[in-house]
PDB file of all heavy atoms in Angstrom:
ATOM      1  N   GLU A   1       0.820  -1.214   0.000  1.00  0.00           N
ATOM      2  CA  GLU A   1       0.000   0.000   0.000  1.00  0.00           C
ATOM      3  C   GLU A   1       0.860   1.273   0.000  1.00  0.00           C
ATOM      4  O   GLU A   1       0.656   2.150  -0.847  1.00  0.00           O
ATOM      5  CB  GLU A   1      -0.965   0.000   1.181  1.00  0.00           C
ATOM      6  CG  GLU A   1      -2.132  -0.956   1.027  1.00  0.00           C
ATOM      7  CD  GLU A   1      -3.191  -0.747   2.099  1.00  0.00           C
ATOM      8  OE1 GLU A   1      -3.263   0.368   2.667  1.00  0.00           O
ATOM      9  OE2 GLU A   1      -3.943  -1.692   2.373  1.00  0.00           O
ATOM     10  N   PRO A   2       1.839   1.424   0.912  1.00  0.00           N
ATOM     11  CA  PRO A   2       2.681   2.627   0.857  1.00  0.00           C
ATOM     12  C   PRO A   2       3.466   2.733  -0.447  1.00  0.00           C
ATOM     13  O   PRO A   2       3.659   3.837  -0.968  1.00  0.00           O
ATOM     14  CB  PRO A   2       3.624   2.451   2.056  1.00  0.00           C
ATOM     15  CG  PRO A   2       2.886   1.549   2.987  1.00  0.00           C
ATOM     16  CD  PRO A   2       2.141   0.604   2.092  1.00  0.00           C
ATOM     17  N   GLY A   3       3.904   1.592  -0.978  1.00  0.00           N
ATOM     18  CA  GLY A   3       4.620   1.624  -2.246  1.00  0.00           C
ATOM     19  C   GLY A   3       3.761   2.141  -3.378  1.00  0.00           C
ATOM     20  O   GLY A   3       4.216   2.915  -4.235  1.00  0.00           O
ATOM     21  N   ALA A   4       2.495   1.744  -3.392  1.00  0.00           N
ATOM     22  CA  ALA A   4       1.576   2.201  -4.433  1.00  0.00           C
ATOM     23  C   ALA A   4       1.356   3.705  -4.366  1.00  0.00           C
ATOM     24  O   ALA A   4       1.170   4.368  -5.402  1.00  0.00           O
ATOM     25  CB  ALA A   4       0.245   1.461  -4.300  1.00  0.00           C
ATOM     26  N   LEU A   5       1.371   4.255  -3.148  1.00  0.00           N
ATOM     27  CA  LEU A   5       1.096   5.678  -2.976  1.00  0.00           C
ATOM     28  C   LEU A   5       2.232   6.570  -3.457  1.00  0.00           C
ATOM     29  O   LEU A   5       2.120   7.802  -3.426  1.00  0.00           O
ATOM     30  CB  LEU A   5       0.778   5.970  -1.508  1.00  0.00           C
ATOM     31  CG  LEU A   5      -0.558   5.390  -1.026  1.00  0.00           C
ATOM     32  CD1 LEU A   5      -0.740   5.614   0.477  1.00  0.00           C
ATOM     33  CD2 LEU A   5      -1.721   6.000  -1.797  1.00  0.00           C
ATOM     34  N   ALA A   6       3.313   5.978  -3.935  1.00  0.00           N
ATOM     35  CA  ALA A   6       4.368   6.748  -4.598  1.00  0.00           C
ATOM     36  C   ALA A   6       3.999   7.054  -6.048  1.00  0.00           C
ATOM     37  O   ALA A   6       4.685   7.843  -6.707  1.00  0.00           O
ATOM     38  CB  ALA A   6       5.694   5.991  -4.544  1.00  0.00           C
ATOM     39  N   LEU A   7       2.907   6.438  -6.523  1.00  0.00           N
ATOM     40  CA  LEU A   7       2.470   6.607  -7.908  1.00  0.00           C
ATOM     41  C   LEU A   7       1.210   7.459  -7.948  1.00  0.00           C
ATOM     42  O   LEU A   7       0.224   7.148  -7.283  1.00  0.00           O
ATOM     43  CB  LEU A   7       2.199   5.247  -8.547  1.00  0.00           C
ATOM     44  CG  LEU A   7       3.371   4.247  -8.494  1.00  0.00           C
ATOM     45  CD1 LEU A   7       2.914   2.870  -8.952  1.00  0.00           C
ATOM     46  CD2 LEU A   7       4.516   4.743  -9.362  1.00  0.00           C
ATOM     47  N   PRO A   8       1.185   8.538  -8.729  1.00  0.00           N
ATOM     48  CA  PRO A   8       0.018   9.434  -8.767  1.00  0.00           C
ATOM     49  C   PRO A   8      -1.280   8.709  -9.119  1.00  0.00           C
ATOM     50  O   PRO A   8      -2.344   9.041  -8.584  1.00  0.00           O
ATOM     51  CB  PRO A   8       0.387  10.456  -9.846  1.00  0.00           C
ATOM     52  CG  PRO A   8       1.886  10.428  -9.899  1.00  0.00           C
ATOM     53  CD  PRO A   8       2.280   9.022  -9.587  1.00  0.00           C
ATOM     54  N   GLU A   9      -1.210   7.722 -10.000  1.00  0.00           N
ATOM     55  CA  GLU A   9      -2.422   7.011 -10.408  1.00  0.00           C
ATOM     56  C   GLU A   9      -3.060   6.269  -9.234  1.00  0.00           C
ATOM     57  O   GLU A   9      -4.283   6.197  -9.123  1.00  0.00           O
ATOM     58  CB  GLU A   9      -2.098   6.007 -11.524  1.00  0.00           C
ATOM     59  CG  GLU A   9      -1.566   6.638 -12.793  1.00  0.00           C
ATOM     60  CD  GLU A   9      -0.044   6.728 -12.822  1.00  0.00           C
ATOM     61  OE1 GLU A   9       0.586   6.733 -11.742  1.00  0.00           O
ATOM     62  OE2 GLU A   9       0.502   6.809 -13.936  1.00  0.00           O
ATOM     63  N   LEU A  10      -2.221   5.724  -8.358  1.00  0.00           N
ATOM     64  CA  LEU A  10      -2.751   4.988  -7.213  1.00  0.00           C
ATOM     65  C   LEU A  10      -3.246   5.939  -6.131  1.00  0.00           C
ATOM     66  O   LEU A  10      -4.214   5.637  -5.414  1.00  0.00           O
ATOM     67  CB  LEU A  10      -1.693   4.036  -6.656  1.00  0.00           C
ATOM     68  CG  LEU A  10      -1.592   2.630  -7.288  1.00  0.00           C
ATOM     69  CD1 LEU A  10      -2.901   1.869  -7.144  1.00  0.00           C
ATOM     70  CD2 LEU A  10      -1.177   2.686  -8.740  1.00  0.00           C
ATOM     71  N   VAL A  11      -2.623   7.093  -6.004  1.00  0.00           N
ATOM     72  CA  VAL A  11      -3.112   8.118  -5.074  1.00  0.00           C
ATOM     73  C   VAL A  11      -4.510   8.540  -5.479  1.00  0.00           C
ATOM     74  O   VAL A  11      -5.437   8.637  -4.649  1.00  0.00           O
ATOM     75  CB  VAL A  11      -2.169   9.332  -5.044  1.00  0.00           C
ATOM     76  CG1 VAL A  11      -2.773  10.455  -4.209  1.00  0.00           C
ATOM     77  CG2 VAL A  11      -0.802   8.939  -4.488  1.00  0.00           C
ATOM     78  N   ALA A  12      -4.700   8.787  -6.787  1.00  0.00           N
ATOM     79  CA  ALA A  12      -6.016   9.188  -7.290  1.00  0.00           C
ATOM     80  C   ALA A  12      -7.038   8.077  -7.095  1.00  0.00           C
ATOM     81  O   ALA A  12      -8.192   8.332  -6.735  1.00  0.00           O
ATOM     82  CB  ALA A  12      -5.907   9.564  -8.766  1.00  0.00           C
ATOM     83  N   LEU A  13      -6.622   6.830  -7.307  1.00  0.00           N
ATOM     84  CA  LEU A  13      -7.548   5.705  -7.144  1.00  0.00           C
ATOM     85  C   LEU A  13      -7.985   5.576  -5.692  1.00  0.00           C
ATOM     86  O   LEU A  13      -9.175   5.319  -5.421  1.00  0.00           O
ATOM     87  CB  LEU A  13      -6.878   4.412  -7.615  1.00  0.00           C
ATOM     88  CG  LEU A  13      -7.733   3.151  -7.527  1.00  0.00           C
ATOM     89  CD1 LEU A  13      -8.962   3.263  -8.431  1.00  0.00           C
ATOM     90  CD2 LEU A  13      -6.915   1.904  -7.891  1.00  0.00           C
ATOM     91  N   LYS A  14      -7.062   5.762  -4.755  1.00  0.00           N
ATOM     92  CA  LYS A  14      -7.432   5.655  -3.348  1.00  0.00           C
ATOM     93  C   LYS A  14      -8.453   6.716  -2.966  1.00  0.00           C
ATOM     94  O   LYS A  14      -9.395   6.452  -2.196  1.00  0.00           O
ATOM     95  CB  LYS A  14      -6.194   5.775  -2.466  1.00  0.00           C
ATOM     96  CG  LYS A  14      -6.508   5.575  -0.981  1.00  0.00           C
ATOM     97  CD  LYS A  14      -5.259   5.577  -0.121  1.00  0.00           C
ATOM     98  CE  LYS A  14      -5.636   5.291   1.343  1.00  0.00           C
ATOM     99  NZ  LYS A  14      -4.434   5.267   2.220  1.00  0.00           N
ATOM    100  N   GLN A  15      -8.294   7.912  -3.519  1.00  0.00           N
ATOM    101  CA  GLN A  15      -9.227   8.997  -3.223  1.00  0.00           C
ATOM    102  C   GLN A  15     -10.597   8.737  -3.852  1.00  0.00           C
ATOM    103  O   GLN A  15     -11.633   9.011  -3.242  1.00  0.00           O
ATOM    104  CB  GLN A  15      -8.660  10.327  -3.720  1.00  0.00           C
ATOM    105  CG  GLN A  15      -7.403  10.771  -2.966  1.00  0.00           C
ATOM    106  CD  GLN A  15      -6.744  11.982  -3.592  1.00  0.00           C
ATOM    107  OE1 GLN A  15      -7.012  12.340  -4.749  1.00  0.00           O
ATOM    108  NE2 GLN A  15      -5.854  12.620  -2.833  1.00  0.00           N
ATOM    109  N   ALA A  16     -10.593   8.180  -5.056  1.00  0.00           N
ATOM    110  CA  ALA A  16     -11.847   7.975  -5.779  1.00  0.00           C
ATOM    111  C   ALA A  16     -12.573   6.702  -5.365  1.00  0.00           C
ATOM    112  O   ALA A  16     -13.805   6.664  -5.302  1.00  0.00           O
ATOM    113  CB  ALA A  16     -11.574   7.940  -7.288  1.00  0.00           C
ATOM    114  N   ASP A  17     -11.814   5.637  -5.080  1.00  0.00           N
ATOM    115  CA  ASP A  17     -12.428   4.327  -4.801  1.00  0.00           C
ATOM    116  C   ASP A  17     -11.498   3.530  -3.883  1.00  0.00           C
ATOM    117  O   ASP A  17     -10.669   2.741  -4.358  1.00  0.00           O
ATOM    118  CB  ASP A  17     -12.668   3.583  -6.114  1.00  0.00           C
ATOM    119  CG  ASP A  17     -13.513   2.326  -5.940  1.00  0.00           C
ATOM    120  OD1 ASP A  17     -13.619   1.831  -4.800  1.00  0.00           O
ATOM    121  OD2 ASP A  17     -14.063   1.823  -6.953  1.00  0.00           O
ATOM    122  N   PRO A  18     -11.613   3.706  -2.572  1.00  0.00           N
ATOM    123  CA  PRO A  18     -10.719   3.011  -1.630  1.00  0.00           C
ATOM    124  C   PRO A  18     -10.755   1.490  -1.777  1.00  0.00           C
ATOM    125  O   PRO A  18      -9.719   0.831  -1.596  1.00  0.00           O
ATOM    126  CB  PRO A  18     -11.250   3.447  -0.256  1.00  0.00           C
ATOM    127  CG  PRO A  18     -11.908   4.756  -0.506  1.00  0.00           C
ATOM    128  CD  PRO A  18     -12.522   4.635  -1.873  1.00  0.00           C
ATOM    129  N   ASP A  19     -11.915   0.917  -2.091  1.00  0.00           N
ATOM    130  CA  ASP A  19     -11.992  -0.540  -2.246  1.00  0.00           C
ATOM    131  C   ASP A  19     -11.191  -1.005  -3.460  1.00  0.00           C
ATOM    132  O   ASP A  19     -10.497  -2.035  -3.398  1.00  0.00           O
ATOM    133  CB  ASP A  19     -13.454  -0.982  -2.383  1.00  0.00           C
ATOM    134  CG  ASP A  19     -14.226  -0.827  -1.078  1.00  0.00           C
ATOM    135  OD1 ASP A  19     -13.593  -0.793  -0.005  1.00  0.00           O
ATOM    136  OD2 ASP A  19     -15.469  -0.738  -1.134  1.00  0.00           O
ATOM    137  N   ALA A  20     -11.282  -0.261  -4.550  1.00  0.00           N
ATOM    138  CA  ALA A  20     -10.499  -0.620  -5.743  1.00  0.00           C
ATOM    139  C   ALA A  20      -9.010  -0.468  -5.476  1.00  0.00           C
ATOM    140  O   ALA A  20      -8.191  -1.271  -5.939  1.00  0.00           O
ATOM    141  CB  ALA A  20     -10.923   0.250  -6.920  1.00  0.00           C
ATOM    142  N   PHE A  21      -8.651   0.562  -4.708  1.00  0.00           N
ATOM    143  CA  PHE A  21      -7.242   0.748  -4.338  1.00  0.00           C
ATOM    144  C   PHE A  21      -6.740  -0.444  -3.532  1.00  0.00           C
ATOM    145  O   PHE A  21      -5.644  -0.974  -3.793  1.00  0.00           O
ATOM    146  CB  PHE A  21      -7.089   2.034  -3.521  1.00  0.00           C
ATOM    147  CG  PHE A  21      -5.723   2.207  -2.913  1.00  0.00           C
ATOM    148  CD1 PHE A  21      -4.661   2.674  -3.666  1.00  0.00           C
ATOM    149  CD2 PHE A  21      -5.492   1.888  -1.573  1.00  0.00           C
ATOM    150  CE1 PHE A  21      -3.393   2.837  -3.102  1.00  0.00           C
ATOM    151  CE2 PHE A  21      -4.238   2.044  -1.003  1.00  0.00           C
ATOM    152  CZ  PHE A  21      -3.185   2.525  -1.774  1.00  0.00           C
ATOM    153  N   LYS A  22      -7.527  -0.894  -2.571  1.00  0.00           N
ATOM    154  CA  LYS A  22      -7.111  -2.032  -1.759  1.00  0.00           C
ATOM    155  C   LYS A  22      -6.961  -3.284  -2.607  1.00  0.00           C
ATOM    156  O   LYS A  22      -6.016  -4.067  -2.429  1.00  0.00           O
ATOM    157  CB  LYS A  22      -8.116  -2.270  -0.635  1.00  0.00           C
ATOM    158  CG  LYS A  22      -7.665  -3.333   0.347  1.00  0.00           C
ATOM    159  CD  LYS A  22      -8.554  -3.386   1.575  1.00  0.00           C
ATOM    160  CE  LYS A  22      -8.031  -4.403   2.586  1.00  0.00           C
ATOM    161  NZ  LYS A  22      -8.833  -4.427   3.822  1.00  0.00           N
ATOM    162  N   LEU A  23      -7.876  -3.478  -3.554  1.00  0.00           N
ATOM    163  CA  LEU A  23      -7.779  -4.646  -4.434  1.00  0.00           C
ATOM    164  C   LEU A  23      -6.492  -4.603  -5.247  1.00  0.00           C
ATOM    165  O   LEU A  23      -5.792  -5.610  -5.380  1.00  0.00           O
ATOM    166  CB  LEU A  23      -8.997  -4.699  -5.355  1.00  0.00           C
ATOM    167  CG  LEU A  23      -9.053  -5.886  -6.316  1.00  0.00           C
ATOM    168  CD1 LEU A  23      -9.165  -7.202  -5.539  1.00  0.00           C
ATOM    169  CD2 LEU A  23     -10.232  -5.737  -7.279  1.00  0.00           C
ATOM    170  N   ARG A  24      -6.165  -3.433  -5.784  1.00  0.00           N
ATOM    171  CA  ARG A  24      -4.945  -3.308  -6.592  1.00  0.00           C
ATOM    172  C   ARG A  24      -3.693  -3.558  -5.758  1.00  0.00           C
ATOM    173  O   ARG A  24      -2.742  -4.190  -6.228  1.00  0.00           O
ATOM    174  CB  ARG A  24      -4.864  -1.905  -7.202  1.00  0.00           C
ATOM    175  CG  ARG A  24      -5.894  -1.606  -8.273  1.00  0.00           C
ATOM    176  CD  ARG A  24      -5.710  -2.450  -9.513  1.00  0.00           C
ATOM    177  NE  ARG A  24      -6.622  -2.058 -10.573  1.00  0.00           N
ATOM    178  CZ  ARG A  24      -6.904  -2.816 -11.629  1.00  0.00           C
ATOM    179  NH1 ARG A  24      -6.319  -4.014 -11.747  1.00  0.00           N
ATOM    180  NH2 ARG A  24      -7.744  -2.406 -12.553  1.00  0.00           N
ATOM    181  N   THR A  25      -3.691  -3.066  -4.531  1.00  0.00           N
ATOM    182  CA  THR A  25      -2.468  -3.152  -3.733  1.00  0.00           C
ATOM    183  C   THR A  25      -2.330  -4.474  -2.985  1.00  0.00           C
ATOM    184  O   THR A  25      -1.224  -4.819  -2.561  1.00  0.00           O
ATOM    185  CB  THR A  25      -2.409  -1.995  -2.718  1.00  0.00           C
ATOM    186  OG1 THR A  25      -3.601  -1.994  -1.916  1.00  0.00           O
ATOM    187  CG2 THR A  25      -2.298  -0.663  -3.433  1.00  0.00           C
ATOM    188  N   HIS A  26      -3.411  -5.202  -2.820  1.00  0.00           N
ATOM    189  CA  HIS A  26      -3.356  -6.471  -2.094  1.00  0.00           C
ATOM    190  C   HIS A  26      -3.349  -7.682  -3.020  1.00  0.00           C
ATOM    191  O   HIS A  26      -3.250  -8.813  -2.551  1.00  0.00           O
ATOM    192  CB  HIS A  26      -4.535  -6.575  -1.118  1.00  0.00           C
ATOM    193  CG  HIS A  26      -4.387  -5.720   0.093  1.00  0.00           C
ATOM    194  ND1 HIS A  26      -4.394  -6.221   1.376  1.00  0.00           N
ATOM    195  CD2 HIS A  26      -4.195  -4.379   0.227  1.00  0.00           C
ATOM    196  CE1 HIS A  26      -4.238  -5.223   2.244  1.00  0.00           C
ATOM    197  NE2 HIS A  26      -4.121  -4.103   1.569  1.00  0.00           N
ATOM    198  N   THR A  27      -3.431  -7.450  -4.332  1.00  0.00           N
ATOM    199  CA  THR A  27      -3.423  -8.563  -5.285  1.00  0.00           C
ATOM    200  C   THR A  27      -2.017  -8.737  -5.837  1.00  0.00           C
ATOM    201  O   THR A  27      -1.517  -7.910  -6.601  1.00  0.00           O
ATOM    202  CB  THR A  27      -4.413  -8.318  -6.430  1.00  0.00           C
ATOM    203  OG1 THR A  27      -5.717  -8.100  -5.889  1.00  0.00           O
ATOM    204  CG2 THR A  27      -4.459  -9.534  -7.359  1.00  0.00           C
ATOM    205  N   ILE A  28      -1.379  -9.824  -5.438  1.00  0.00           N
ATOM    206  CA  ILE A  28      -0.006 -10.120  -5.859  1.00  0.00           C
ATOM    207  C   ILE A  28      -0.032 -10.943  -7.146  1.00  0.00           C
ATOM    208  O   ILE A  28      -0.905 -11.793  -7.347  1.00  0.00           O
ATOM    209  CB  ILE A  28       0.743 -10.850  -4.735  1.00  0.00           C
ATOM    210  CG1 ILE A  28       0.963  -9.885  -3.558  1.00  0.00           C
ATOM    211  CG2 ILE A  28       2.082 -11.402  -5.212  1.00  0.00           C
ATOM    212  CD1 ILE A  28       1.652 -10.491  -2.367  1.00  0.00           C
ATOM    213  N   ARG A  29       0.907 -10.693  -8.000  1.00  0.00           N
ATOM    214  CA  ARG A  29       0.940 -11.359  -9.309  1.00  0.00           C
ATOM    215  C   ARG A  29       1.061 -12.875  -9.173  1.00  0.00           C
ATOM    216  O   ARG A  29       1.658 -13.385  -8.219  1.00  0.00           O
ATOM    217  CB  ARG A  29       2.066 -10.786 -10.168  1.00  0.00           C
ATOM    218  CG  ARG A  29       3.444 -10.901  -9.549  1.00  0.00           C
ATOM    219  CD  ARG A  29       4.469  -9.974 -10.210  1.00  0.00           C
ATOM    220  NE  ARG A  29       4.726 -10.299 -11.604  1.00  0.00           N
ATOM    221  CZ  ARG A  29       5.656  -9.698 -12.363  1.00  0.00           C
ATOM    222  NH1 ARG A  29       6.403  -8.729 -11.842  1.00  0.00           N
ATOM    223  NH2 ARG A  29       5.835 -10.048 -13.607  1.00  0.00           N
ATOM    224  N   THR A  30       0.515 -13.576 -10.136  1.00  0.00           N
ATOM    225  CA  THR A  30       0.474 -15.044 -10.115  1.00  0.00           C
ATOM    226  C   THR A  30       1.122 -15.639 -11.359  1.00  0.00           C
ATOM    227  O   THR A  30       0.821 -16.767 -11.746  1.00  0.00           O
ATOM    228  CB  THR A  30      -0.978 -15.535 -10.015  1.00  0.00           C
ATOM    229  OG1 THR A  30      -1.744 -15.014 -11.113  1.00  0.00           O
ATOM    230  CG2 THR A  30      -1.615 -15.113  -8.708  1.00  0.00           C
ATOM    231  N   ASP A  31       2.022 -14.891 -11.970  1.00  0.00           N
ATOM    232  CA  ASP A  31       2.663 -15.348 -13.214  1.00  0.00           C
ATOM    233  C   ASP A  31       4.017 -15.998 -12.970  1.00  0.00           C
ATOM    234  O   ASP A  31       4.782 -16.223 -13.913  1.00  0.00           O
ATOM    235  CB  ASP A  31       2.815 -14.179 -14.186  1.00  0.00           C
ATOM    236  CG  ASP A  31       3.632 -13.020 -13.587  1.00  0.00           C
ATOM    237  OD1 ASP A  31       4.041 -13.123 -12.406  1.00  0.00           O
ATOM    238  OD2 ASP A  31       3.858 -12.021 -14.295  1.00  0.00           O
ATOM    239  N   GLY A  32       4.324 -16.321 -11.708  1.00  0.00           N
ATOM    240  CA  GLY A  32       5.590 -16.974 -11.394  1.00  0.00           C
ATOM    241  C   GLY A  32       6.605 -16.079 -10.718  1.00  0.00           C
ATOM    242  O   GLY A  32       7.605 -16.569 -10.177  1.00  0.00           O
ATOM    243  N   ALA A  33       6.376 -14.758 -10.725  1.00  0.00           N
ATOM    244  CA  ALA A  33       7.324 -13.856 -10.050  1.00  0.00           C
ATOM    245  C   ALA A  33       7.235 -14.015  -8.534  1.00  0.00           C
ATOM    246  O   ALA A  33       8.221 -13.840  -7.827  1.00  0.00           O
ATOM    247  CB  ALA A  33       7.051 -12.411 -10.448  1.00  0.00           C
ATOM    248  N   TRP A  34       6.028 -14.314  -8.032  1.00  0.00           N
ATOM    249  CA  TRP A  34       5.824 -14.621  -6.608  1.00  0.00           C
ATOM    250  C   TRP A  34       5.497 -16.102  -6.502  1.00  0.00           C
ATOM    251  O   TRP A  34       4.627 -16.604  -7.215  1.00  0.00           O
ATOM    252  CB  TRP A  34       4.693 -13.778  -6.032  1.00  0.00           C
ATOM    253  CG  TRP A  34       4.314 -14.134  -4.619  1.00  0.00           C
ATOM    254  CD1 TRP A  34       3.593 -15.221  -4.211  1.00  0.00           C
ATOM    255  CD2 TRP A  34       4.627 -13.416  -3.417  1.00  0.00           C
ATOM    256  NE1 TRP A  34       3.442 -15.234  -2.845  1.00  0.00           N
ATOM    257  CE2 TRP A  34       4.066 -14.128  -2.331  1.00  0.00           C
ATOM    258  CE3 TRP A  34       5.317 -12.233  -3.160  1.00  0.00           C
ATOM    259  CZ2 TRP A  34       4.182 -13.689  -1.007  1.00  0.00           C
ATOM    260  CZ3 TRP A  34       5.432 -11.804  -1.843  1.00  0.00           C
ATOM    261  CH2 TRP A  34       4.869 -12.527  -0.783  1.00  0.00           C
TER     262      TRP A  34
END
């Protein structure tokens, strides 16, 4: 979450839709990097 807030797009998303922001920041990739 703090890492995302370094990006203007995520700051705007948190202000506009906190639930969508949480989904974006709590969803970890599943393509093999994690």
